[in-house]
PDB file of all heavy atoms in Angstrom:
ATOM      1  N   LYS A   1       5.382   4.982  -0.865  1.00  0.00           N
ATOM      2  CA  LYS A   1       5.192   3.634  -0.331  1.00  0.00           C
ATOM      3  C   LYS A   1       5.914   3.471   0.995  1.00  0.00           C
ATOM      4  O   LYS A   1       5.434   2.781   1.893  1.00  0.00           O
ATOM      5  CB  LYS A   1       5.697   2.603  -1.337  1.00  0.00           C
ATOM      6  CG  LYS A   1       4.845   2.523  -2.594  1.00  0.00           C
ATOM      7  CD  LYS A   1       5.400   1.521  -3.584  1.00  0.00           C
ATOM      8  CE  LYS A   1       5.245   0.101  -3.095  1.00  0.00           C
ATOM      9  NZ  LYS A   1       5.658  -0.885  -4.116  1.00  0.00           N
ATOM     10  N   SER A   2       7.090   4.083   1.103  1.00  0.00           N
ATOM     11  CA  SER A   2       7.873   3.926   2.333  1.00  0.00           C
ATOM     12  C   SER A   2       7.163   4.525   3.539  1.00  0.00           C
ATOM     13  O   SER A   2       7.377   4.097   4.673  1.00  0.00           O
ATOM     14  CB  SER A   2       9.257   4.563   2.167  1.00  0.00           C
ATOM     15  OG  SER A   2       9.151   5.962   1.944  1.00  0.00           O
ATOM     16  N   LEU A   3       6.309   5.513   3.300  1.00  0.00           N
ATOM     17  CA  LEU A   3       5.546   6.130   4.387  1.00  0.00           C
ATOM     18  C   LEU A   3       4.161   5.509   4.538  1.00  0.00           C
ATOM     19  O   LEU A   3       3.396   5.916   5.415  1.00  0.00           O
ATOM     20  CB  LEU A   3       5.409   7.638   4.137  1.00  0.00           C
ATOM     21  CG  LEU A   3       6.712   8.443   4.124  1.00  0.00           C
ATOM     22  CD1 LEU A   3       6.440   9.900   3.767  1.00  0.00           C
ATOM     23  CD2 LEU A   3       7.413   8.359   5.476  1.00  0.00           C
ATOM     24  N   ASN A   4       3.845   4.565   3.680  1.00  0.00           N
ATOM     25  CA  ASN A   4       2.536   3.898   3.696  1.00  0.00           C
ATOM     26  C   ASN A   4       1.383   4.903   3.670  1.00  0.00           C
ATOM     27  O   ASN A   4       0.371   4.745   4.346  1.00  0.00           O
ATOM     28  CB  ASN A   4       2.405   2.981   4.925  1.00  0.00           C
ATOM     29  CG  ASN A   4       1.210   2.049   4.821  1.00  0.00           C
ATOM     30  OD1 ASN A   4       0.800   1.664   3.730  1.00  0.00           O
ATOM     31  ND2 ASN A   4       0.614   1.701   5.958  1.00  0.00           N
ATOM     32  N   ASN A   5       1.570   5.937   2.868  1.00  0.00           N
ATOM     33  CA  ASN A   5       0.511   6.949   2.746  1.00  0.00           C
ATOM     34  C   ASN A   5       0.013   7.025   1.301  1.00  0.00           C
ATOM     35  O   ASN A   5      -0.422   8.075   0.838  1.00  0.00           O
ATOM     36  CB  ASN A   5       1.015   8.311   3.217  1.00  0.00           C
ATOM     37  CG  ASN A   5       2.093   8.889   2.302  1.00  0.00           C
ATOM     38  OD1 ASN A   5       2.540   8.243   1.359  1.00  0.00           O
ATOM     39  ND2 ASN A   5       2.516  10.105   2.580  1.00  0.00           N
ATOM     40  N   HIS A   6       0.081   5.894   0.613  1.00  0.00           N
ATOM     41  CA  HIS A   6      -0.185   5.862  -0.815  1.00  0.00           C
ATOM     42  C   HIS A   6      -1.471   5.099  -1.137  1.00  0.00           C
ATOM     43  O   HIS A   6      -2.022   4.389  -0.293  1.00  0.00           O
ATOM     44  CB  HIS A   6       0.981   5.193  -1.554  1.00  0.00           C
ATOM     45  CG  HIS A   6       1.192   3.757  -1.155  1.00  0.00           C
ATOM     46  ND1 HIS A   6       1.511   3.375   0.128  1.00  0.00           N
ATOM     47  CD2 HIS A   6       1.094   2.591  -1.872  1.00  0.00           C
ATOM     48  CE1 HIS A   6       1.622   2.066   0.192  1.00  0.00           C
ATOM     49  NE2 HIS A   6       1.367   1.557  -0.999  1.00  0.00           N
ATOM     50  N   ILE A   7      -1.913   5.254  -2.389  1.00  0.00           N
ATOM     51  CA  ILE A   7      -3.025   4.483  -2.945  1.00  0.00           C
ATOM     52  C   ILE A   7      -2.510   3.829  -4.221  1.00  0.00           C
ATOM     53  O   ILE A   7      -2.172   4.524  -5.188  1.00  0.00           O
ATOM     54  CB  ILE A   7      -4.243   5.369  -3.264  1.00  0.00           C
ATOM     55  CG1 ILE A   7      -4.752   6.068  -2.007  1.00  0.00           C
ATOM     56  CG2 ILE A   7      -5.363   4.540  -3.899  1.00  0.00           C
ATOM     57  CD1 ILE A   7      -5.870   7.073  -2.271  1.00  0.00           C
ATOM     58  N   GLU A   8      -2.425   2.510  -4.230  1.00  0.00           N
ATOM     59  CA  GLU A   8      -1.902   1.804  -5.394  1.00  0.00           C
ATOM     60  C   GLU A   8      -2.885   1.825  -6.549  1.00  0.00           C
ATOM     61  O   GLU A   8      -4.102   1.722  -6.355  1.00  0.00           O
ATOM     62  CB  GLU A   8      -1.562   0.359  -5.024  1.00  0.00           C
ATOM     63  CG  GLU A   8      -0.352   0.226  -4.118  1.00  0.00           C
ATOM     64  CD  GLU A   8       0.042  -1.221  -3.880  1.00  0.00           C
ATOM     65  OE1 GLU A   8      -0.774  -2.125  -4.203  1.00  0.00           O
ATOM     66  OE2 GLU A   8       1.156  -1.446  -3.368  1.00  0.00           O
ATOM     67  N   LEU A   9      -2.342   1.935  -7.762  1.00  0.00           N
ATOM     68  CA  LEU A   9      -3.189   1.931  -8.949  1.00  0.00           C
ATOM     69  C   LEU A   9      -3.945   0.611  -9.094  1.00  0.00           C
ATOM     70  O   LEU A   9      -5.058   0.579  -9.602  1.00  0.00           O
ATOM     71  CB  LEU A   9      -2.337   2.159 -10.206  1.00  0.00           C
ATOM     72  CG  LEU A   9      -1.566   3.472 -10.286  1.00  0.00           C
ATOM     73  CD1 LEU A   9      -0.771   3.537 -11.583  1.00  0.00           C
ATOM     74  CD2 LEU A   9      -2.495   4.668 -10.181  1.00  0.00           C
ATOM     75  N   ALA A  10      -3.330  -0.465  -8.642  1.00  0.00           N
ATOM     76  CA  ALA A  10      -3.941  -1.789  -8.788  1.00  0.00           C
ATOM     77  C   ALA A  10      -4.882  -2.141  -7.641  1.00  0.00           C
ATOM     78  O   ALA A  10      -5.370  -3.274  -7.566  1.00  0.00           O
ATOM     79  CB  ALA A  10      -2.840  -2.846  -8.897  1.00  0.00           C
ATOM     80  N   SER A  11      -5.151  -1.198  -6.758  1.00  0.00           N
ATOM     81  CA  SER A  11      -6.054  -1.466  -5.637  1.00  0.00           C
ATOM     82  C   SER A  11      -7.445  -1.858  -6.126  1.00  0.00           C
ATOM     83  O   SER A  11      -7.932  -1.353  -7.143  1.00  0.00           O
ATOM     84  CB  SER A  11      -6.174  -0.224  -4.750  1.00  0.00           C
ATOM     85  OG  SER A  11      -4.935   0.137  -4.185  1.00  0.00           O
ATOM     86  N   THR A  12      -8.090  -2.747  -5.382  1.00  0.00           N
ATOM     87  CA  THR A  12      -9.477  -3.088  -5.673  1.00  0.00           C
ATOM     88  C   THR A  12     -10.365  -1.915  -5.258  1.00  0.00           C
ATOM     89  O   THR A  12      -9.944  -1.046  -4.483  1.00  0.00           O
ATOM     90  CB  THR A  12      -9.897  -4.334  -4.892  1.00  0.00           C
ATOM     91  OG1 THR A  12      -9.866  -4.023  -3.484  1.00  0.00           O
ATOM     92  CG2 THR A  12      -8.976  -5.512  -5.186  1.00  0.00           C
ATOM     93  N   PRO A  13     -11.606  -1.868  -5.749  1.00  0.00           N
ATOM     94  CA  PRO A  13     -12.523  -0.815  -5.299  1.00  0.00           C
ATOM     95  C   PRO A  13     -12.656  -0.769  -3.777  1.00  0.00           C
ATOM     96  O   PRO A  13     -12.702   0.322  -3.191  1.00  0.00           O
ATOM     97  CB  PRO A  13     -13.839  -1.185  -5.975  1.00  0.00           C
ATOM     98  CG  PRO A  13     -13.418  -1.870  -7.238  1.00  0.00           C
ATOM     99  CD  PRO A  13     -12.190  -2.654  -6.860  1.00  0.00           C
ATOM    100  N   GLU A  14     -12.688  -1.925  -3.140  1.00  0.00           N
ATOM    101  CA  GLU A  14     -12.810  -1.959  -1.679  1.00  0.00           C
ATOM    102  C   GLU A  14     -11.575  -1.367  -1.022  1.00  0.00           C
ATOM    103  O   GLU A  14     -11.676  -0.613  -0.038  1.00  0.00           O
ATOM    104  CB  GLU A  14     -13.003  -3.407  -1.211  1.00  0.00           C
ATOM    105  CG  GLU A  14     -14.322  -4.044  -1.643  1.00  0.00           C
ATOM    106  CD  GLU A  14     -14.335  -4.459  -3.103  1.00  0.00           C
ATOM    107  OE1 GLU A  14     -13.231  -4.595  -3.718  1.00  0.00           O
ATOM    108  OE2 GLU A  14     -15.458  -4.634  -3.647  1.00  0.00           O
ATOM    109  N   GLU A  15     -10.408  -1.665  -1.577  1.00  0.00           N
ATOM    110  CA  GLU A  15      -9.165  -1.114  -1.033  1.00  0.00           C
ATOM    111  C   GLU A  15      -9.091   0.392  -1.227  1.00  0.00           C
ATOM    112  O   GLU A  15      -8.623   1.128  -0.352  1.00  0.00           O
ATOM    113  CB  GLU A  15      -7.963  -1.795  -1.684  1.00  0.00           C
ATOM    114  CG  GLU A  15      -7.777  -3.246  -1.264  1.00  0.00           C
ATOM    115  CD  GLU A  15      -6.755  -3.981  -2.100  1.00  0.00           C
ATOM    116  OE1 GLU A  15      -6.478  -3.544  -3.253  1.00  0.00           O
ATOM    117  OE2 GLU A  15      -6.224  -5.007  -1.618  1.00  0.00           O
ATOM    118  N   ILE A  16      -9.571   0.860  -2.363  1.00  0.00           N
ATOM    119  CA  ILE A  16      -9.567   2.307  -2.607  1.00  0.00           C
ATOM    120  C   ILE A  16     -10.476   3.014  -1.614  1.00  0.00           C
ATOM    121  O   ILE A  16     -10.097   4.037  -1.027  1.00  0.00           O
ATOM    122  CB  ILE A  16      -9.991   2.603  -4.061  1.00  0.00           C
ATOM    123  CG1 ILE A  16      -8.879   2.192  -5.029  1.00  0.00           C
ATOM    124  CG2 ILE A  16     -10.313   4.103  -4.234  1.00  0.00           C
ATOM    125  CD1 ILE A  16      -9.233   2.345  -6.485  1.00  0.00           C
ATOM    126  N   HIS A  17     -11.678   2.489  -1.408  1.00  0.00           N
ATOM    127  CA  HIS A  17     -12.579   3.099  -0.433  1.00  0.00           C
ATOM    128  C   HIS A  17     -11.927   3.126   0.958  1.00  0.00           C
ATOM    129  O   HIS A  17     -12.021   4.135   1.675  1.00  0.00           O
ATOM    130  CB  HIS A  17     -13.909   2.339  -0.383  1.00  0.00           C
ATOM    131  CG  HIS A  17     -14.910   2.798  -1.384  1.00  0.00           C
ATOM    132  ND1 HIS A  17     -15.491   4.058  -1.334  1.00  0.00           N
ATOM    133  CD2 HIS A  17     -15.440   2.174  -2.469  1.00  0.00           C
ATOM    134  CE1 HIS A  17     -16.333   4.195  -2.342  1.00  0.00           C
ATOM    135  NE2 HIS A  17     -16.326   3.072  -3.045  1.00  0.00           N
ATOM    136  N   ALA A  18     -11.263   2.043   1.323  1.00  0.00           N
ATOM    137  CA  ALA A  18     -10.643   1.968   2.648  1.00  0.00           C
ATOM    138  C   ALA A  18      -9.524   2.989   2.796  1.00  0.00           C
ATOM    139  O   ALA A  18      -9.403   3.644   3.844  1.00  0.00           O
ATOM    140  CB  ALA A  18     -10.105   0.557   2.897  1.00  0.00           C
ATOM    141  N   ARG A  19      -8.707   3.156   1.754  1.00  0.00           N
ATOM    142  CA  ARG A  19      -7.598   4.107   1.831  1.00  0.00           C
ATOM    143  C   ARG A  19      -8.108   5.544   1.806  1.00  0.00           C
ATOM    144  O   ARG A  19      -7.602   6.416   2.530  1.00  0.00           O
ATOM    145  CB  ARG A  19      -6.623   3.879   0.678  1.00  0.00           C
ATOM    146  CG  ARG A  19      -5.925   2.541   0.688  1.00  0.00           C
ATOM    147  CD  ARG A  19      -5.048   2.362   1.909  1.00  0.00           C
ATOM    148  NE  ARG A  19      -3.740   2.980   1.740  1.00  0.00           N
ATOM    149  CZ  ARG A  19      -2.798   2.989   2.677  1.00  0.00           C
ATOM    150  NH1 ARG A  19      -3.026   2.428   3.851  1.00  0.00           N
ATOM    151  NH2 ARG A  19      -1.637   3.570   2.450  1.00  0.00           N
ATOM    152  N   VAL A  20      -9.112   5.806   0.977  1.00  0.00           N
ATOM    153  CA  VAL A  20      -9.644   7.166   0.878  1.00  0.00           C
ATOM    154  C   VAL A  20     -10.302   7.586   2.197  1.00  0.00           C
ATOM    155  O   VAL A  20     -10.215   8.744   2.616  1.00  0.00           O
ATOM    156  CB  VAL A  20     -10.623   7.286  -0.301  1.00  0.00           C
ATOM    157  CG1 VAL A  20     -11.362   8.639  -0.266  1.00  0.00           C
ATOM    158  CG2 VAL A  20      -9.884   7.128  -1.627  1.00  0.00           C
ATOM    159  N   ARG A  21     -10.942   6.637   2.880  1.00  0.00           N
ATOM    160  CA  ARG A  21     -11.550   6.966   4.173  1.00  0.00           C
ATOM    161  C   ARG A  21     -10.516   7.473   5.172  1.00  0.00           C
ATOM    162  O   ARG A  21     -10.842   8.238   6.085  1.00  0.00           O
ATOM    163  CB  ARG A  21     -12.277   5.749   4.746  1.00  0.00           C
ATOM    164  CG  ARG A  21     -13.665   5.517   4.171  1.00  0.00           C
ATOM    165  CD  ARG A  21     -14.485   4.561   5.033  1.00  0.00           C
ATOM    166  NE  ARG A  21     -13.878   3.229   5.089  1.00  0.00           N
ATOM    167  CZ  ARG A  21     -14.178   2.251   4.238  1.00  0.00           C
ATOM    168  NH1 ARG A  21     -15.060   2.450   3.268  1.00  0.00           N
ATOM    169  NH2 ARG A  21     -13.611   1.065   4.364  1.00  0.00           N
ATOM    170  N   LEU A  22      -9.257   7.056   5.004  1.00  0.00           N
ATOM    171  CA  LEU A  22      -8.191   7.466   5.919  1.00  0.00           C
ATOM    172  C   LEU A  22      -7.590   8.826   5.571  1.00  0.00           C
ATOM    173  O   LEU A  22      -6.785   9.357   6.338  1.00  0.00           O
ATOM    174  CB  LEU A  22      -7.065   6.419   5.906  1.00  0.00           C
ATOM    175  CG  LEU A  22      -7.424   5.012   6.407  1.00  0.00           C
ATOM    176  CD1 LEU A  22      -6.233   4.074   6.196  1.00  0.00           C
ATOM    177  CD2 LEU A  22      -7.834   5.040   7.864  1.00  0.00           C
ATOM    178  N   MET A  23      -7.977   9.379   4.444  1.00  0.00           N
ATOM    179  CA  MET A  23      -7.346  10.614   3.993  1.00  0.00           C
ATOM    180  C   MET A  23      -7.675  11.781   4.914  1.00  0.00           C
ATOM    181  O   MET A  23      -8.829  11.974   5.333  1.00  0.00           O
ATOM    182  CB  MET A  23      -7.784  10.950   2.561  1.00  0.00           C
ATOM    183  CG  MET A  23      -7.237   9.985   1.516  1.00  0.00           C
ATOM    184  SD  MET A  23      -7.710  10.425  -0.185  1.00  0.00           S
ATOM    185  CE  MET A  23      -6.687  11.885  -0.436  1.00  0.00           C
ATOM    186  N   VAL A  24      -6.651  12.559   5.214  1.00  0.00           N
ATOM    187  CA  VAL A  24      -6.809  13.764   6.033  1.00  0.00           C
ATOM    188  C   VAL A  24      -7.381  14.873   5.150  1.00  0.00           C
ATOM    189  O   VAL A  24      -6.931  15.089   4.027  1.00  0.00           O
ATOM    190  CB  VAL A  24      -5.461  14.192   6.623  1.00  0.00           C
ATOM    191  CG1 VAL A  24      -5.594  15.531   7.346  1.00  0.00           C
ATOM    192  CG2 VAL A  24      -4.927  13.123   7.564  1.00  0.00           C
ATOM    193  N   THR A  25      -8.369  15.566   5.662  1.00  0.00           N
ATOM    194  CA  THR A  25      -8.979  16.658   4.898  1.00  0.00           C
ATOM    195  C   THR A  25      -8.572  17.995   5.531  1.00  0.00           C
ATOM    196  O   THR A  25      -7.413  18.211   5.820  1.00  0.00           O
ATOM    197  CB  THR A  25     -10.506  16.488   4.860  1.00  0.00           C
ATOM    198  OG1 THR A  25     -11.003  16.362   6.207  1.00  0.00           O
ATOM    199  CG2 THR A  25     -10.884  15.227   4.088  1.00  0.00           C
ATOM    200  N   ASP A  26      -9.512  18.887   5.752  1.00  0.00           N
ATOM    201  CA  ASP A  26      -9.228  20.177   6.386  1.00  0.00           C
ATOM    202  C   ASP A  26      -9.095  19.961   7.893  1.00  0.00           C
ATOM    203  O   ASP A  26     -10.081  19.636   8.572  1.00  0.00           O
ATOM    204  CB  ASP A  26     -10.374  21.143   6.072  1.00  0.00           C
ATOM    205  CG  ASP A  26     -10.177  22.523   6.700  1.00  0.00           C
ATOM    206  OD1 ASP A  26      -9.201  22.704   7.456  1.00  0.00           O
ATOM    207  OD2 ASP A  26     -11.005  23.411   6.421  1.00  0.00           O
ATOM    208  N   PRO A  27      -7.886  20.146   8.446  1.00  0.00           N
ATOM    209  CA  PRO A  27      -7.692  19.856   9.874  1.00  0.00           C
ATOM    210  C   PRO A  27      -8.511  20.765  10.794  1.00  0.00           C
ATOM    211  O   PRO A  27      -8.743  20.417  11.958  1.00  0.00           O
ATOM    212  CB  PRO A  27      -6.187  20.060  10.085  1.00  0.00           C
ATOM    213  CG  PRO A  27      -5.759  20.952   8.960  1.00  0.00           C
ATOM    214  CD  PRO A  27      -6.640  20.601   7.803  1.00  0.00           C
ATOM    215  N   GLN A  28      -8.964  21.905  10.288  1.00  0.00           N
ATOM    216  CA  GLN A  28      -9.743  22.817  11.123  1.00  0.00           C
ATOM    217  C   GLN A  28     -11.237  22.478  11.120  1.00  0.00           C
ATOM    218  O   GLN A  28     -12.002  23.052  11.897  1.00  0.00           O
ATOM    219  CB  GLN A  28      -9.546  24.265  10.654  1.00  0.00           C
ATOM    220  CG  GLN A  28      -8.157  24.820  10.925  1.00  0.00           C
ATOM    221  CD  GLN A  28      -8.067  26.297  10.611  1.00  0.00           C
ATOM    222  OE1 GLN A  28      -9.078  26.991  10.497  1.00  0.00           O
ATOM    223  NE2 GLN A  28      -6.850  26.786  10.474  1.00  0.00           N
ATOM    224  N   ARG A  29     -11.628  21.566  10.259  1.00  0.00           N
ATOM    225  CA  ARG A  29     -13.040  21.206  10.204  1.00  0.00           C
ATOM    226  C   ARG A  29     -13.281  20.032  11.142  1.00  0.00           C
ATOM    227  O   ARG A  29     -13.078  18.866  10.794  1.00  0.00           O
ATOM    228  CB  ARG A  29     -13.449  20.851   8.771  1.00  0.00           C
ATOM    229  CG  ARG A  29     -14.962  20.759   8.628  1.00  0.00           C
ATOM    230  CD  ARG A  29     -15.401  20.490   7.200  1.00  0.00           C
ATOM    231  NE  ARG A  29     -16.852  20.622   7.101  1.00  0.00           N
ATOM    232  CZ  ARG A  29     -17.566  20.253   6.053  1.00  0.00           C
ATOM    233  NH1 ARG A  29     -16.973  19.716   4.998  1.00  0.00           N
ATOM    234  NH2 ARG A  29     -18.878  20.429   6.050  1.00  0.00           N
ATOM    235  N   GLN A  30     -13.714  20.318  12.335  1.00  0.00           N
ATOM    236  CA  GLN A  30     -13.877  19.309  13.374  1.00  0.00           C
ATOM    237  C   GLN A  30     -15.258  18.660  13.375  1.00  0.00           C
ATOM    238  O   GLN A  30     -15.407  17.500  13.773  1.00  0.00           O
ATOM    239  CB  GLN A  30     -13.622  19.930  14.750  1.00  0.00           C
ATOM    240  CG  GLN A  30     -12.235  20.547  14.902  1.00  0.00           C
ATOM    241  CD  GLN A  30     -11.136  19.511  14.792  1.00  0.00           C
ATOM    242  OE1 GLN A  30     -11.240  18.423  15.354  1.00  0.00           O
ATOM    243  NE2 GLN A  30     -10.080  19.823  14.054  1.00  0.00           N
ATOM    244  N   ARG A  31     -16.274  19.401  12.932  1.00  0.00           N
ATOM    245  CA  ARG A  31     -17.650  18.903  12.957  1.00  0.00           C
ATOM    246  C   ARG A  31     -18.279  19.007  11.571  1.00  0.00           C
ATOM    247  O   ARG A  31     -17.855  19.822  10.752  1.00  0.00           O
ATOM    248  CB  ARG A  31     -18.498  19.694  13.968  1.00  0.00           C
ATOM    249  CG  ARG A  31     -18.073  19.486  15.429  1.00  0.00           C
ATOM    250  CD  ARG A  31     -18.860  20.394  16.366  1.00  0.00           C
ATOM    251  NE  ARG A  31     -18.577  21.803  16.102  1.00  0.00           N
ATOM    252  CZ  ARG A  31     -17.539  22.469  16.626  1.00  0.00           C
ATOM    253  NH1 ARG A  31     -16.708  21.849  17.446  1.00  0.00           N
ATOM    254  NH2 ARG A  31     -17.355  23.734  16.339  1.00  0.00           N
ATOM    255  N   ARG A  32     -19.294  18.199  11.348  1.00  0.00           N
ATOM    256  CA  ARG A  32     -19.994  18.199  10.061  1.00  0.00           C
ATOM    257  C   ARG A  32     -20.563  19.572   9.751  1.00  0.00           C
ATOM    258  O   ARG A  32     -20.635  19.989   8.581  1.00  0.00           O
ATOM    259  CB  ARG A  32     -21.111  17.146  10.109  1.00  0.00           C
ATOM    260  CG  ARG A  32     -22.136  17.197   8.971  1.00  0.00           C
ATOM    261  CD  ARG A  32     -21.498  16.815   7.642  1.00  0.00           C
ATOM    262  NE  ARG A  32     -22.497  16.696   6.595  1.00  0.00           N
ATOM    263  CZ  ARG A  32     -23.085  17.723   5.983  1.00  0.00           C
ATOM    264  NH1 ARG A  32     -22.763  18.970   6.301  1.00  0.00           N
ATOM    265  NH2 ARG A  32     -23.988  17.503   5.026  1.00  0.00           N
ATOM    266  N   SER A  33     -20.961  20.311  10.754  1.00  0.00           N
ATOM    267  CA  SER A  33     -21.587  21.627  10.543  1.00  0.00           C
ATOM    268  C   SER A  33     -20.574  22.748  10.318  1.00  0.00           C
ATOM    269  O   SER A  33     -20.957  23.872   9.985  1.00  0.00           O
ATOM    270  CB  SER A  33     -22.457  21.973  11.760  1.00  0.00           C
ATOM    271  OG  SER A  33     -21.683  21.958  12.955  1.00  0.00           O
ATOM    272  N   ASP A  34     -19.270  22.446  10.498  1.00  0.00           N
ATOM    273  CA  ASP A  34     -18.244  23.470  10.276  1.00  0.00           C
ATOM    274  C   ASP A  34     -18.048  23.698   8.780  1.00  0.00           C
ATOM    275  O   ASP A  34     -17.983  22.737   8.008  1.00  0.00           O
ATOM    276  CB  ASP A  34     -16.907  23.040  10.874  1.00  0.00           C
ATOM    277  CG  ASP A  34     -16.936  22.975  12.393  1.00  0.00           C
ATOM    278  OD1 ASP A  34     -17.801  23.647  12.984  1.00  0.00           O
ATOM    279  OD2 ASP A  34     -16.106  22.256  12.967  1.00  0.00           O
ATOM    280  N   PRO A  35     -17.933  24.955   8.336  1.00  0.00           N
ATOM    281  CA  PRO A  35     -17.606  25.209   6.925  1.00  0.00           C
ATOM    282  C   PRO A  35     -16.175  24.749   6.629  1.00  0.00           C
ATOM    283  O   PRO A  35     -15.286  24.872   7.468  1.00  0.00           O
ATOM    284  CB  PRO A  35     -17.751  26.731   6.783  1.00  0.00           C
ATOM    285  CG  PRO A  35     -17.580  27.263   8.167  1.00  0.00           C
ATOM    286  CD  PRO A  35     -18.128  26.214   9.098  1.00  0.00           C
ATOM    287  N   GLY A  36     -15.963  24.211   5.466  1.00  0.00           N
ATOM    288  CA  GLY A  36     -14.647  23.698   5.109  1.00  0.00           C
ATOM    289  C   GLY A  36     -13.856  24.663   4.247  1.00  0.00           C
ATOM    290  O   GLY A  36     -14.368  25.679   3.775  1.00  0.00           O
TER     291      GLY A  36
END
């Protein structure tokens, strides 16, 4: 929580979608066509 990089259990579905959209994935995958 102190780093604000969390997803609360009590989040609404809309809040979960918003937080998940911010999640970092494979940093080397720059384009949709790149293999992950």
